PDB file of N, CA and C in Angstrom:
ATOM      1  N   MET A   1     -38.166  52.673 -22.337  1.00  0.00           N
ATOM      2  CA  MET A   1     -38.428  51.590 -21.370  1.00  0.00           C
ATOM      3  C   MET A   1     -37.713  51.460 -20.207  1.00  0.00           C
ATOM      4  N   ASN A   2     -38.004  51.232 -18.744  1.00  0.00           N
ATOM      5  CA  ASN A   2     -37.119  50.812 -17.935  1.00  0.00           C
ATOM      6  C   ASN A   2     -35.887  49.793 -17.866  1.00  0.00           C
ATOM      7  N   ARG A   3     -35.076  50.107 -17.544  1.00  0.00           N
ATOM      8  CA  ARG A   3     -33.747  49.088 -17.734  1.00  0.00           C
ATOM      9  C   ARG A   3     -34.060  47.703 -17.089  1.00  0.00           C
ATOM     10  N   LEU A   4     -34.603  47.751 -15.945  1.00  0.00           N
ATOM     11  CA  LEU A   4     -35.141  46.297 -15.310  1.00  0.00           C
ATOM     12  C   LEU A   4     -35.972  45.692 -16.171  1.00  0.00           C
ATOM     13  N   LEU A   5     -36.919  46.451 -16.648  1.00  0.00           N
ATOM     14  CA  LEU A   5     -38.205  45.541 -17.523  1.00  0.00           C
ATOM     15  C   LEU A   5     -37.542  45.189 -18.748  1.00  0.00           C
ATOM     16  N   SER A   6     -36.405  46.169 -19.601  1.00  0.00           N
ATOM     17  CA  SER A   6     -35.777  45.433 -20.671  1.00  0.00           C
ATOM     18  C   SER A   6     -34.611  44.178 -20.468  1.00  0.00           C
ATOM     19  N   SER A   7     -34.436  44.256 -19.535  1.00  0.00           N
ATOM     20  CA  SER A   7     -33.341  42.980 -19.266  1.00  0.00           C
ATOM     21  C   SER A   7     -34.385  41.640 -18.985  1.00  0.00           C
ATOM     22  N   PHE A   8     -35.422  41.861 -18.521  1.00  0.00           N
ATOM     23  CA  PHE A   8     -36.406  40.988 -18.127  1.00  0.00           C
ATOM     24  C   PHE A   8     -37.024  40.435 -19.283  1.00  0.00           C
ATOM     25  N   ILE A   9     -37.254  41.230 -20.593  1.00  0.00           N
ATOM     26  CA  ILE A   9     -37.853  41.102 -21.660  1.00  0.00           C
ATOM     27  C   ILE A   9     -36.737  40.090 -22.231  1.00  0.00           C
ATOM     28  N   SER A  10     -35.729  40.681 -22.636  1.00  0.00           N
ATOM     29  CA  SER A  10     -34.507  39.798 -23.137  1.00  0.00           C
ATOM     30  C   SER A  10     -34.039  38.259 -22.422  1.00  0.00           C
ATOM     31  N   PHE A  11     -34.220  38.592 -21.213  1.00  0.00           N
ATOM     32  CA  PHE A  11     -34.147  37.063 -20.753  1.00  0.00           C
ATOM     33  C   PHE A  11     -35.259  35.961 -21.211  1.00  0.00           C
ATOM     34  N   SER A  12     -36.282  36.730 -20.945  1.00  0.00           N
ATOM     35  CA  SER A  12     -37.602  35.951 -21.298  1.00  0.00           C
ATOM     36  C   SER A  12     -38.042  35.453 -23.062  1.00  0.00           C
ATOM     37  N   SER A  13     -37.441  36.232 -23.753  1.00  0.00           N
ATOM     38  CA  SER A  13     -36.942  35.722 -25.017  1.00  0.00           C
ATOM     39  C   SER A  13     -36.047  34.700 -25.832  1.00  0.00           C
ATOM     40  N   ARG A  14     -35.358  34.387 -24.497  1.00  0.00           N
ATOM     41  CA  ARG A  14     -34.288  33.301 -24.870  1.00  0.00           C
ATOM     42  C   ARG A  14     -34.793  32.027 -25.163  1.00  0.00           C
ATOM     43  N   PRO A  15     -34.013  31.290 -25.798  1.00  0.00           N
ATOM     44  CA  PRO A  15     -34.624  29.903 -26.229  1.00  0.00           C
ATOM     45  C   PRO A  15     -34.966  29.079 -25.097  1.00  0.00           C
ATOM     46  N   ALA A  16     -35.818  27.880 -24.863  1.00  0.00           N
ATOM     47  CA  ALA A  16     -36.162  27.188 -23.831  1.00  0.00           C
ATOM     48  C   ALA A  16     -34.832  26.375 -23.571  1.00  0.00           C
ATOM     49  N   PRO A  17     -34.643  25.842 -22.337  1.00  0.00           N
ATOM     50  CA  PRO A  17     -33.511  25.067 -22.318  1.00  0.00           C
ATOM     51  C   PRO A  17     -33.421  23.928 -23.246  1.00  0.00           C
ATOM     52  N   SER A  18     -34.248  23.073 -23.531  1.00  0.00           N
ATOM     53  CA  SER A  18     -34.237  22.041 -24.285  1.00  0.00           C
ATOM     54  C   SER A  18     -33.335  22.442 -25.976  1.00  0.00           C
ATOM     55  N   ALA A  19     -33.722  23.976 -26.018  1.00  0.00           N
ATOM     56  CA  ALA A  19     -33.475  24.275 -27.259  1.00  0.00           C
ATOM     57  C   ALA A  19     -31.872  24.519 -27.427  1.00  0.00           C
ATOM     58  N   LEU A  20     -31.382  24.663 -26.140  1.00  0.00           N
ATOM     59  CA  LEU A  20     -29.864  24.731 -25.992  1.00  0.00           C
ATOM     60  C   LEU A  20     -29.073  23.848 -26.199  1.00  0.00           C
ATOM     61  N   PRO A  21     -27.981  23.599 -26.610  1.00  0.00           N
ATOM     62  CA  PRO A  21     -26.773  22.573 -26.779  1.00  0.00           C
ATOM     63  C   PRO A  21     -26.821  21.851 -25.524  1.00  0.00           C
ATOM     64  N   SER A  22     -26.797  20.532 -25.411  1.00  0.00           N
ATOM     65  CA  SER A  22     -26.336  19.656 -24.237  1.00  0.00           C
ATOM     66  C   SER A  22     -25.102  19.848 -23.873  1.00  0.00           C
ATOM     67  N   LEU A  23     -24.701  19.840 -22.516  1.00  0.00           N
ATOM     68  CA  LEU A  23     -23.529  20.246 -21.961  1.00  0.00           C
ATOM     69  C   LEU A  23     -23.038  18.925 -21.588  1.00  0.00           C
ATOM     70  N   SER A  24     -23.783  17.673 -21.677  1.00  0.00           N
ATOM     71  CA  SER A  24     -23.046  16.770 -21.787  1.00  0.00           C
ATOM     72  C   SER A  24     -21.883  16.408 -22.684  1.00  0.00           C
ATOM     73  N   SER A  25     -22.188  16.710 -24.042  1.00  0.00           N
ATOM     74  CA  SER A  25     -21.516  16.696 -24.892  1.00  0.00           C
ATOM     75  C   SER A  25     -20.121  17.774 -25.249  1.00  0.00           C
ATOM     76  N   HIS A  26     -20.115  18.748 -23.839  1.00  0.00           N
ATOM     77  CA  HIS A  26     -19.109  19.874 -24.010  1.00  0.00           C
ATOM     78  C   HIS A  26     -18.184  19.182 -23.365  1.00  0.00           C
ATOM     79  N   ARG A  27     -16.848  19.215 -23.784  1.00  0.00           N
ATOM     80  CA  ARG A  27     -15.363  18.663 -23.250  1.00  0.00           C
ATOM     81  C   ARG A  27     -14.601  19.751 -23.080  1.00  0.00           C
ATOM     82  N   GLY A  28     -14.887  21.136 -22.565  1.00  0.00           N
ATOM     83  CA  GLY A  28     -14.309  22.113 -22.095  1.00  0.00           C
ATOM     84  C   GLY A  28     -12.981  22.391 -23.068  1.00  0.00           C
ATOM     85  N   PRO A  29     -12.210  23.678 -22.515  1.00  0.00           N
ATOM     86  CA  PRO A  29     -11.045  23.723 -23.496  1.00  0.00           C
ATOM     87  C   PRO A  29     -10.218  22.857 -23.726  1.00  0.00           C
ATOM     88  N   PRO A  30      -9.150  23.199 -24.826  1.00  0.00           N
ATOM     89  CA  PRO A  30      -8.341  21.924 -25.075  1.00  0.00           C
ATOM     90  C   PRO A  30      -7.226  21.846 -24.230  1.00  0.00           C
ATOM     91  N   HIS A  31      -6.989  22.735 -23.254  1.00  0.00           N
ATOM     92  CA  HIS A  31      -6.035  22.453 -22.166  1.00  0.00           C
ATOM     93  C   HIS A  31      -6.548  21.363 -20.946  1.00  0.00           C
ATOM     94  N   MET A  32      -7.942  21.595 -20.810  1.00  0.00           N
ATOM     95  CA  MET A  32      -8.146  20.681 -19.771  1.00  0.00           C
ATOM     96  C   MET A  32      -8.383  19.495 -20.321  1.00  0.00           C
ATOM     97  N   SER A  33      -8.637  18.459 -19.015  1.00  0.00           N
ATOM     98  CA  SER A  33      -8.843  17.208 -19.496  1.00  0.00           C
ATOM     99  C   SER A  33     -10.297  16.745 -20.258  1.00  0.00           C
ATOM    100  N   THR A  34     -10.376  15.440 -21.159  1.00  0.00           N
ATOM    101  CA  THR A  34     -11.373  15.544 -21.706  1.00  0.00           C
ATOM    102  C   THR A  34     -12.047  14.399 -21.230  1.00  0.00           C
ATOM    103  N   ARG A  35     -11.614  13.811 -20.160  1.00  0.00           N
ATOM    104  CA  ARG A  35     -12.675  12.734 -19.269  1.00  0.00           C
ATOM    105  C   ARG A  35     -13.731  13.340 -18.757  1.00  0.00           C
ATOM    106  N   SER A  36     -14.787  12.564 -18.705  1.00  0.00           N
ATOM    107  CA  SER A  36     -15.885  12.933 -18.117  1.00  0.00           C
ATOM    108  C   SER A  36     -15.799  12.675 -16.363  1.00  0.00           C
ATOM    109  N   TYR A  37     -16.576  13.527 -16.191  1.00  0.00           N
ATOM    110  CA  TYR A  37     -16.804  13.412 -14.522  1.00  0.00           C
ATOM    111  C   TYR A  37     -16.840  12.004 -14.145  1.00  0.00           C
ATOM    112  N   ALA A  38     -17.220  11.080 -14.533  1.00  0.00           N
ATOM    113  CA  ALA A  38     -17.926   9.736 -14.149  1.00  0.00           C
ATOM    114  C   ALA A  38     -16.522   8.848 -14.319  1.00  0.00           C
ATOM    115  N   GLU A  39     -15.561   9.274 -15.472  1.00  0.00           N
ATOM    116  CA  GLU A  39     -14.171   8.453 -15.690  1.00  0.00           C
ATOM    117  C   GLU A  39     -13.504   9.030 -14.756  1.00  0.00           C
ATOM    118  N   CYS A  40     -13.601  10.185 -14.285  1.00  0.00           N
ATOM    119  CA  CYS A  40     -12.427  10.509 -13.332  1.00  0.00           C
ATOM    120  C   CYS A  40     -12.572  10.081 -11.939  1.00  0.00           C
ATOM    121  N   ASN A  41     -13.813   9.444 -11.699  1.00  0.00           N
ATOM    122  CA  ASN A  41     -14.054   9.390 -10.421  1.00  0.00           C
ATOM    123  C   ASN A  41     -14.069   7.688 -10.106  1.00  0.00           C
ATOM    124  N   GLU A  42     -14.216   7.199 -11.086  1.00  0.00           N
ATOM    125  CA  GLU A  42     -14.074   5.393 -11.109  1.00  0.00           C
ATOM    126  C   GLU A  42     -13.205   5.206 -10.006  1.00  0.00           C
ATOM    127  N   PRO A  43     -13.345   3.973  -9.325  1.00  0.00           N
ATOM    128  CA  PRO A  43     -12.592   3.400  -8.530  1.00  0.00           C
ATOM    129  C   PRO A  43     -11.467   2.700  -9.157  1.00  0.00           C
ATOM    130  N   THR A  44     -10.137   2.795  -8.664  1.00  0.00           N
ATOM    131  CA  THR A  44      -8.965   2.109  -9.219  1.00  0.00           C
ATOM    132  C   THR A  44      -8.861   0.768  -8.509  1.00  0.00           C
ATOM    133  N   ALA A  45      -7.831  -0.081  -9.238  1.00  0.00           N
ATOM    134  CA  ALA A  45      -7.819  -0.861  -8.630  1.00  0.00           C
ATOM    135  C   ALA A  45      -6.556  -1.061  -8.016  1.00  0.00           C
ATOM    136  N   VAL A  46      -6.055   0.149  -7.386  1.00  0.00           N
ATOM    137  CA  VAL A  46      -4.804   0.211  -6.820  1.00  0.00           C
ATOM    138  C   VAL A  46      -4.631   0.237  -5.346  1.00  0.00           C
ATOM    139  N   THR A  47      -4.148  -0.922  -4.766  1.00  0.00           N
ATOM    140  CA  THR A  47      -4.122  -1.151  -3.470  1.00  0.00           C
ATOM    141  C   THR A  47      -2.991  -0.821  -2.761  1.00  0.00           C
ATOM    142  N   CYS A  48      -2.645  -0.803  -1.734  1.00  0.00           N
ATOM    143  CA  CYS A  48      -1.316  -0.628  -1.146  1.00  0.00           C
ATOM    144  C   CYS A  48      -0.199  -1.944  -1.398  1.00  0.00           C
ATOM    145  N   GLU A  49      -0.759  -3.049  -1.274  1.00  0.00           N
ATOM    146  CA  GLU A  49      -0.319  -4.338  -1.334  1.00  0.00           C
ATOM    147  C   GLU A  49       0.238  -4.213  -2.801  1.00  0.00           C
ATOM    148  N   PHE A  50      -0.409  -3.692  -3.524  1.00  0.00           N
ATOM    149  CA  PHE A  50       0.042  -3.894  -5.241  1.00  0.00           C
ATOM    150  C   PHE A  50       0.755  -2.993  -5.295  1.00  0.00           C
ATOM    151  N   ILE A  51       0.918  -1.867  -4.911  1.00  0.00           N
ATOM    152  CA  ILE A  51       1.897  -0.737  -4.972  1.00  0.00           C
ATOM    153  C   ILE A  51       3.303  -1.457  -4.230  1.00  0.00           C
ATOM    154  N   GLU A  52       3.170  -2.054  -3.022  1.00  0.00           N
ATOM    155  CA  GLU A  52       4.776  -2.629  -2.629  1.00  0.00           C
ATOM    156  C   GLU A  52       4.995  -3.810  -3.138  1.00  0.00           C
ATOM    157  N   GLN A  53       4.203  -4.284  -3.610  1.00  0.00           N
ATOM    158  CA  GLN A  53       4.766  -5.731  -4.729  1.00  0.00           C
ATOM    159  C   GLN A  53       5.388  -4.995  -6.065  1.00  0.00           C
ATOM    160  N   GLU A  54       4.739  -4.383  -6.466  1.00  0.00           N
ATOM    161  CA  GLU A  54       5.719  -3.287  -7.628  1.00  0.00           C
ATOM    162  C   GLU A  54       6.952  -3.014  -7.520  1.00  0.00           C
ATOM    163  N   LEU A  55       6.808  -2.455  -6.006  1.00  0.00           N
ATOM    164  CA  LEU A  55       8.656  -1.617  -5.802  1.00  0.00           C
ATOM    165  C   LEU A  55       9.034  -2.660  -5.511  1.00  0.00           C
ATOM    166  N   ARG A  56       8.872  -3.828  -4.826  1.00  0.00           N
ATOM    167  CA  ARG A  56       9.625  -5.112  -4.198  1.00  0.00           C
ATOM    168  C   ARG A  56      10.295  -5.363  -5.625  1.00  0.00           C
ATOM    169  N   ALA A  57       9.311  -5.909  -6.653  1.00  0.00           N
ATOM    170  CA  ALA A  57       9.921  -6.562  -7.510  1.00  0.00           C
ATOM    171  C   ALA A  57      10.542  -5.680  -8.571  1.00  0.00           C
ATOM    172  N   LYS A  58      10.799  -4.533  -8.284  1.00  0.00           N
ATOM    173  CA  LYS A  58      11.377  -3.556  -9.516  1.00  0.00           C
ATOM    174  C   LYS A  58      12.882  -2.638  -8.746  1.00  0.00           C
ATOM    175  N   MET A  59      12.961  -2.986  -7.663  1.00  0.00           N
ATOM    176  CA  MET A  59      14.139  -2.589  -6.835  1.00  0.00           C
ATOM    177  C   MET A  59      14.473  -3.317  -5.506  1.00  0.00           C
ATOM    178  N   ASP A  60      15.521  -3.112  -5.055  1.00  0.00           N
ATOM    179  CA  ASP A  60      15.984  -3.675  -3.686  1.00  0.00           C
ATOM    180  C   ASP A  60      15.542  -3.084  -2.542  1.00  0.00           C
ATOM    181  N   VAL A  61      14.581  -3.032  -2.227  1.00  0.00           N
ATOM    182  CA  VAL A  61      13.747  -2.674  -0.628  1.00  0.00           C
ATOM    183  C   VAL A  61      14.269  -3.328   0.367  1.00  0.00           C
ATOM    184  N   HIS A  62      14.741  -2.489   1.029  1.00  0.00           N
ATOM    185  CA  HIS A  62      15.323  -2.606   2.400  1.00  0.00           C
ATOM    186  C   HIS A  62      13.911  -2.868   3.506  1.00  0.00           C
ATOM    187  N   ALA A  63      13.186  -1.474   3.409  1.00  0.00           N
ATOM    188  CA  ALA A  63      12.064  -1.437   4.388  1.00  0.00           C
ATOM    189  C   ALA A  63      11.358  -0.601   3.394  1.00  0.00           C
ATOM    190  N   ILE A  64       9.600  -0.954   3.725  1.00  0.00           N
ATOM    191  CA  ILE A  64       8.719  -0.190   3.089  1.00  0.00           C
ATOM    192  C   ILE A  64       7.357  -0.291   3.772  1.00  0.00           C
ATOM    193  N   ALA A  65       6.755   1.117   3.811  1.00  0.00           N
ATOM    194  CA  ALA A  65       5.399   0.943   4.029  1.00  0.00           C
ATOM    195  C   ALA A  65       4.653   1.827   3.252  1.00  0.00           C
ATOM    196  N   VAL A  66       3.334   1.519   2.681  1.00  0.00           N
ATOM    197  CA  VAL A  66       2.530   1.850   2.049  1.00  0.00           C
ATOM    198  C   VAL A  66       1.190   2.186   2.676  1.00  0.00           C
ATOM    199  N   ARG A  67       0.485   3.326   2.496  1.00  0.00           N
ATOM    200  CA  ARG A  67      -0.445   3.652   3.382  1.00  0.00           C
ATOM    201  C   ARG A  67      -1.813   4.451   2.645  1.00  0.00           C
ATOM    202  N   ASP A  68      -3.055   3.846   2.283  1.00  0.00           N
ATOM    203  CA  ASP A  68      -3.905   4.811   1.452  1.00  0.00           C
ATOM    204  C   ASP A  68      -4.362   5.717   2.324  1.00  0.00           C
ATOM    205  N   ASP A  69      -4.164   6.898   2.128  1.00  0.00           N
ATOM    206  CA  ASP A  69      -4.456   8.012   2.940  1.00  0.00           C
ATOM    207  C   ASP A  69      -5.993   8.567   2.417  1.00  0.00           C
ATOM    208  N   SER A  70      -6.389   8.217   1.400  1.00  0.00           N
ATOM    209  CA  SER A  70      -7.809   8.836   0.803  1.00  0.00           C
ATOM    210  C   SER A  70      -8.949   7.567   1.413  1.00  0.00           C
ATOM    211  N   GLY A  71      -8.509   6.377   1.435  1.00  0.00           N
ATOM    212  CA  GLY A  71      -9.166   5.122   2.025  1.00  0.00           C
ATOM    213  C   GLY A  71     -10.089   4.715   0.793  1.00  0.00           C
ATOM    214  N   ASN A  72      -9.989   5.235  -0.364  1.00  0.00           N
ATOM    215  CA  ASN A  72     -10.485   4.628  -1.646  1.00  0.00           C
ATOM    216  C   ASN A  72      -9.558   4.280  -2.901  1.00  0.00           C
ATOM    217  N   GLY A  73      -8.203   4.540  -2.451  1.00  0.00           N
ATOM    218  CA  GLY A  73      -7.076   4.248  -3.399  1.00  0.00           C
ATOM    219  C   GLY A  73      -6.855   5.427  -4.550  1.00  0.00           C
ATOM    220  N   SER A  74      -7.021   6.575  -4.104  1.00  0.00           N
ATOM    221  CA  SER A  74      -6.798   7.865  -4.755  1.00  0.00           C
ATOM    222  C   SER A  74      -5.595   8.584  -4.346  1.00  0.00           C
ATOM    223  N   PHE A  75      -5.144   8.381  -2.978  1.00  0.00           N
ATOM    224  CA  PHE A  75      -4.061   8.813  -2.411  1.00  0.00           C
ATOM    225  C   PHE A  75      -3.354   8.154  -1.298  1.00  0.00           C
ATOM    226  N   PHE A  76      -1.972   7.909  -1.809  1.00  0.00           N
ATOM    227  CA  PHE A  76      -1.289   7.124  -0.992  1.00  0.00           C
ATOM    228  C   PHE A  76      -0.221   7.670  -0.460  1.00  0.00           C
ATOM    229  N   SER A  77       0.520   7.175   0.548  1.00  0.00           N
ATOM    230  CA  SER A  77       1.776   7.791   1.179  1.00  0.00           C
ATOM    231  C   SER A  77       2.886   6.662   1.483  1.00  0.00           C
ATOM    232  N   ILE A  78       3.778   6.532   0.534  1.00  0.00           N
ATOM    233  CA  ILE A  78       4.905   5.699   0.488  1.00  0.00           C
ATOM    234  C   ILE A  78       6.464   5.811   1.400  1.00  0.00           C
ATOM    235  N   ASN A  79       6.716   4.987   2.225  1.00  0.00           N
ATOM    236  CA  ASN A  79       7.968   5.567   2.678  1.00  0.00           C
ATOM    237  C   ASN A  79       8.894   4.111   2.512  1.00  0.00           C
ATOM    238  N   ILE A  80       9.877   4.585   1.802  1.00  0.00           N
ATOM    239  CA  ILE A  80      10.714   3.706   1.283  1.00  0.00           C
ATOM    240  C   ILE A  80      12.165   3.765   1.541  1.00  0.00           C
ATOM    241  N   GLN A  81      12.908   2.532   1.942  1.00  0.00           N
ATOM    242  CA  GLN A  81      14.299   2.772   2.341  1.00  0.00           C
ATOM    243  C   GLN A  81      14.729   1.655   1.421  1.00  0.00           C
ATOM    244  N   SER A  82      15.995   2.151   0.708  1.00  0.00           N
ATOM    245  CA  SER A  82      16.798   1.094  -0.048  1.00  0.00           C
ATOM    246  C   SER A  82      18.338   1.488  -0.363  1.00  0.00           C
ATOM    247  N   LYS A  83      19.026   0.324  -0.455  1.00  0.00           N
ATOM    248  CA  LYS A  83      20.363   0.982  -1.037  1.00  0.00           C
ATOM    249  C   LYS A  83      20.357   1.666  -2.420  1.00  0.00           C
ATOM    250  N   GLU A  84      19.723   1.273  -3.163  1.00  0.00           N
ATOM    251  CA  GLU A  84      19.747   2.222  -4.216  1.00  0.00           C
ATOM    252  C   GLU A  84      19.747   3.620  -4.620  1.00  0.00           C
ATOM    253  N   PHE A  85      19.102   4.041  -3.284  1.00  0.00           N
ATOM    254  CA  PHE A  85      19.215   5.494  -3.098  1.00  0.00           C
ATOM    255  C   PHE A  85      20.297   6.076  -2.390  1.00  0.00           C
ATOM    256  N   ASN A  86      21.538   5.255  -2.299  1.00  0.00           N
ATOM    257  CA  ASN A  86      22.536   5.933  -1.532  1.00  0.00           C
ATOM    258  C   ASN A  86      23.193   7.021  -2.131  1.00  0.00           C
ATOM    259  N   ASP A  87      23.568   7.123  -3.909  1.00  0.00           N
ATOM    260  CA  ASP A  87      24.093   7.760  -4.514  1.00  0.00           C
ATOM    261  C   ASP A  87      23.244   8.599  -5.308  1.00  0.00           C
ATOM    262  N   LEU A  88      21.938   8.939  -4.824  1.00  0.00           N
ATOM    263  CA  LEU A  88      21.207   9.755  -5.359  1.00  0.00           C
ATOM    264  C   LEU A  88      20.789  10.837  -4.477  1.00  0.00           C
ATOM    265  N   THR A  89      20.228  12.098  -5.152  1.00  0.00           N
ATOM    266  CA  THR A  89      19.877  13.155  -4.414  1.00  0.00           C
ATOM    267  C   THR A  89      18.195  12.774  -3.977  1.00  0.00           C
ATOM    268  N   MET A  90      17.770  13.222  -3.383  1.00  0.00           N
ATOM    269  CA  MET A  90      16.114  13.278  -2.734  1.00  0.00           C
ATOM    270  C   MET A  90      15.416  13.289  -3.887  1.00  0.00           C
ATOM    271  N   LEU A  91      15.649  14.464  -4.731  1.00  0.00           N
ATOM    272  CA  LEU A  91      14.802  14.530  -5.984  1.00  0.00           C
ATOM    273  C   LEU A  91      14.830  13.377  -6.966  1.00  0.00           C
ATOM    274  N   LYS A  92      16.206  12.874  -7.360  1.00  0.00           N
ATOM    275  CA  LYS A  92      16.783  11.754  -7.965  1.00  0.00           C
ATOM    276  C   LYS A  92      15.629  10.145  -7.338  1.00  0.00           C
ATOM    277  N   GLN A  93      15.607  10.306  -6.077  1.00  0.00           N
ATOM    278  CA  GLN A  93      14.977   9.386  -5.717  1.00  0.00           C
ATOM    279  C   GLN A  93      13.540   9.192  -5.776  1.00  0.00           C
ATOM    280  N   HIS A  94      13.177  10.277  -5.653  1.00  0.00           N
ATOM    281  CA  HIS A  94      11.616  10.473  -6.105  1.00  0.00           C
ATOM    282  C   HIS A  94      11.176  10.456  -7.319  1.00  0.00           C
ATOM    283  N   GLN A  95      12.242  10.809  -8.127  1.00  0.00           N
ATOM    284  CA  GLN A  95      12.024  10.397  -9.502  1.00  0.00           C
ATOM    285  C   GLN A  95      12.348   9.037  -9.979  1.00  0.00           C
ATOM    286  N   MET A  96      12.897   8.218  -9.341  1.00  0.00           N
ATOM    287  CA  MET A  96      13.242   6.725  -9.512  1.00  0.00           C
ATOM    288  C   MET A  96      11.842   6.013  -9.073  1.00  0.00           C
ATOM    289  N   VAL A  97      11.314   6.410  -7.519  1.00  0.00           N
ATOM    290  CA  VAL A  97       9.931   5.620  -7.680  1.00  0.00           C
ATOM    291  C   VAL A  97       8.833   6.076  -8.326  1.00  0.00           C
ATOM    292  N   ASN A  98       8.590   7.246  -8.901  1.00  0.00           N
ATOM    293  CA  ASN A  98       7.307   7.637  -9.880  1.00  0.00           C
ATOM    294  C   ASN A  98       7.696   6.939 -10.994  1.00  0.00           C
ATOM    295  N   ALA A  99       9.019   6.850 -11.676  1.00  0.00           N
ATOM    296  CA  ALA A  99       9.358   6.055 -13.074  1.00  0.00           C
ATOM    297  C   ALA A  99       8.533   4.766 -12.672  1.00  0.00           C
ATOM    298  N   LEU A 100       9.579   4.113 -11.746  1.00  0.00           N
ATOM    299  CA  LEU A 100       8.951   2.551 -11.537  1.00  0.00           C
ATOM    300  C   LEU A 100       7.538   2.644 -11.155  1.00  0.00           C
ATOM    301  N   LEU A 101       6.869   3.499 -10.764  1.00  0.00           N
ATOM    302  CA  LEU A 101       5.266   3.268 -10.553  1.00  0.00           C
ATOM    303  C   LEU A 101       4.438   3.948 -11.535  1.00  0.00           C
ATOM    304  N   ALA A 102       4.977   4.678 -12.525  1.00  0.00           N
ATOM    305  CA  ALA A 102       4.262   5.631 -13.465  1.00  0.00           C
ATOM    306  C   ALA A 102       3.206   4.308 -14.087  1.00  0.00           C
ATOM    307  N   GLU A 103       3.262   3.491 -14.443  1.00  0.00           N
ATOM    308  CA  GLU A 103       1.910   3.130 -15.071  1.00  0.00           C
ATOM    309  C   GLU A 103       0.703   2.440 -13.998  1.00  0.00           C
ATOM    310  N   THR A 104       1.128   2.353 -12.894  1.00  0.00           N
ATOM    311  CA  THR A 104       0.611   1.898 -11.503  1.00  0.00           C
ATOM    312  C   THR A 104      -0.263   3.121 -11.120  1.00  0.00           C
ATOM    313  N   ILE A 105       0.421   4.060 -11.208  1.00  0.00           N
ATOM    314  CA  ILE A 105      -0.283   5.254 -10.308  1.00  0.00           C
ATOM    315  C   ILE A 105      -0.975   6.368 -11.192  1.00  0.00           C
ATOM    316  N   LYS A 106      -0.690   5.788 -12.745  1.00  0.00           N
ATOM    317  CA  LYS A 106      -1.456   7.027 -13.672  1.00  0.00           C
ATOM    318  C   LYS A 106      -2.908   7.539 -13.299  1.00  0.00           C
ATOM    319  N   ASN A 107      -3.529   6.567 -12.444  1.00  0.00           N
ATOM    320  CA  ASN A 107      -5.065   6.945 -12.171  1.00  0.00           C
ATOM    321  C   ASN A 107      -5.122   7.624 -10.807  1.00  0.00           C
ATOM    322  N   VAL A 108      -3.823   7.377 -10.027  1.00  0.00           N
ATOM    323  CA  VAL A 108      -4.045   7.723  -8.470  1.00  0.00           C
ATOM    324  C   VAL A 108      -3.931   9.529  -8.631  1.00  0.00           C
ATOM    325  N   HIS A 109      -4.768  10.068  -7.853  1.00  0.00           N
ATOM    326  CA  HIS A 109      -4.820  11.337  -7.502  1.00  0.00           C
ATOM    327  C   HIS A 109      -3.405  11.963  -6.638  1.00  0.00           C
ATOM    328  N   GLY A 110      -3.156  11.334  -6.082  1.00  0.00           N
ATOM    329  CA  GLY A 110      -1.684  11.911  -5.328  1.00  0.00           C
ATOM    330  C   GLY A 110      -0.761  10.885  -4.657  1.00  0.00           C
ATOM    331  N   LEU A 111       0.303  11.352  -4.297  1.00  0.00           N
ATOM    332  CA  LEU A 111       1.225  10.338  -3.790  1.00  0.00           C
ATOM    333  C   LEU A 111       2.295  11.298  -3.133  1.00  0.00           C
ATOM    334  N   ARG A 112       2.457  10.551  -1.816  1.00  0.00           N
ATOM    335  CA  ARG A 112       3.378  11.234  -0.672  1.00  0.00           C
ATOM    336  C   ARG A 112       4.424  10.284  -0.981  1.00  0.00           C
ATOM    337  N   LEU A 113       5.919  10.773  -0.961  1.00  0.00           N
ATOM    338  CA  LEU A 113       6.994   9.767  -0.884  1.00  0.00           C
ATOM    339  C   LEU A 113       7.845  10.148   0.116  1.00  0.00           C
ATOM    340  N   ASN A 114       8.216   9.428   0.788  1.00  0.00           N
ATOM    341  CA  ASN A 114       9.431   9.598   1.869  1.00  0.00           C
ATOM    342  C   ASN A 114      10.348   8.618   1.736  1.00  0.00           C
ATOM    343  N   THR A 115      11.610   8.735   1.015  1.00  0.00           N
ATOM    344  CA  THR A 115      12.639   7.997   0.344  1.00  0.00           C
ATOM    345  C   THR A 115      13.620   8.277   1.582  1.00  0.00           C
ATOM    346  N   LYS A 116      14.417   7.238   1.654  1.00  0.00           N
ATOM    347  CA  LYS A 116      15.725   7.225   2.758  1.00  0.00           C
ATOM    348  C   LYS A 116      16.527   6.243   2.142  1.00  0.00           C
ATOM    349  N   LYS A 117      17.893   6.935   2.248  1.00  0.00           N
ATOM    350  CA  LYS A 117      18.942   5.713   1.847  1.00  0.00           C
ATOM    351  C   LYS A 117      19.023   4.700   2.985  1.00  0.00           C
ATOM    352  N   TYR A 118      19.555   3.667   2.478  1.00  0.00           N
ATOM    353  CA  TYR A 118      20.084   2.254   3.439  1.00  0.00           C
ATOM    354  C   TYR A 118      21.295   2.081   3.565  1.00  0.00           C
ATOM    355  N   LEU A 119      21.984   2.486   4.626  1.00  0.00           N
ATOM    356  CA  LEU A 119      23.490   2.290   4.789  1.00  0.00           C
ATOM    357  C   LEU A 119      23.470   1.188   6.156  1.00  0.00           C
ATOM    358  N   PRO A 120      23.890   0.052   5.934  1.00  0.00           N
ATOM    359  CA  PRO A 120      24.042  -1.085   6.563  1.00  0.00           C
ATOM    360  C   PRO A 120      25.248  -0.443   7.525  1.00  0.00           C
ATOM    361  N   GLU A 121      24.634  -0.942   8.892  1.00  0.00           N
ATOM    362  CA  GLU A 121      25.838  -0.863  10.121  1.00  0.00           C
ATOM    363  C   GLU A 121      27.139  -2.119   9.570  1.00  0.00           C
ATOM    364  N   GLU A 122      28.372  -1.142   9.979  1.00  0.00           N
ATOM    365  CA  GLU A 122      29.486  -1.975   9.880  1.00  0.00           C
ATOM    366  C   GLU A 122      30.220  -2.773  10.719  1.00  0.00           C
TER     367      GLU A 122
END
């Protein structure tokens, strides 16, 4: 029998799509997220103002600017200056901000941080 014809016959003898298991119940490999597409794309209640209020409440902020780069609350840029950064490396500064916002940003896709030490003029 012709090879092409034989592959066509084996394809046509497969069960109808309704007999196949539903993909909606498939959760993927264990190392992948188990959240559904709809859950991953739910709008977040995080706003620029909310992030700014959280940081001002939890640390001594000299200057701060928060911008929603995505327009839908999924990616933010934060420029922040504080005395609390004076004795810290940039890595420690970023870790500090991430720790302070951990609960707030858990559903945010991305965060761009620009931290700066505050050295008042003498």
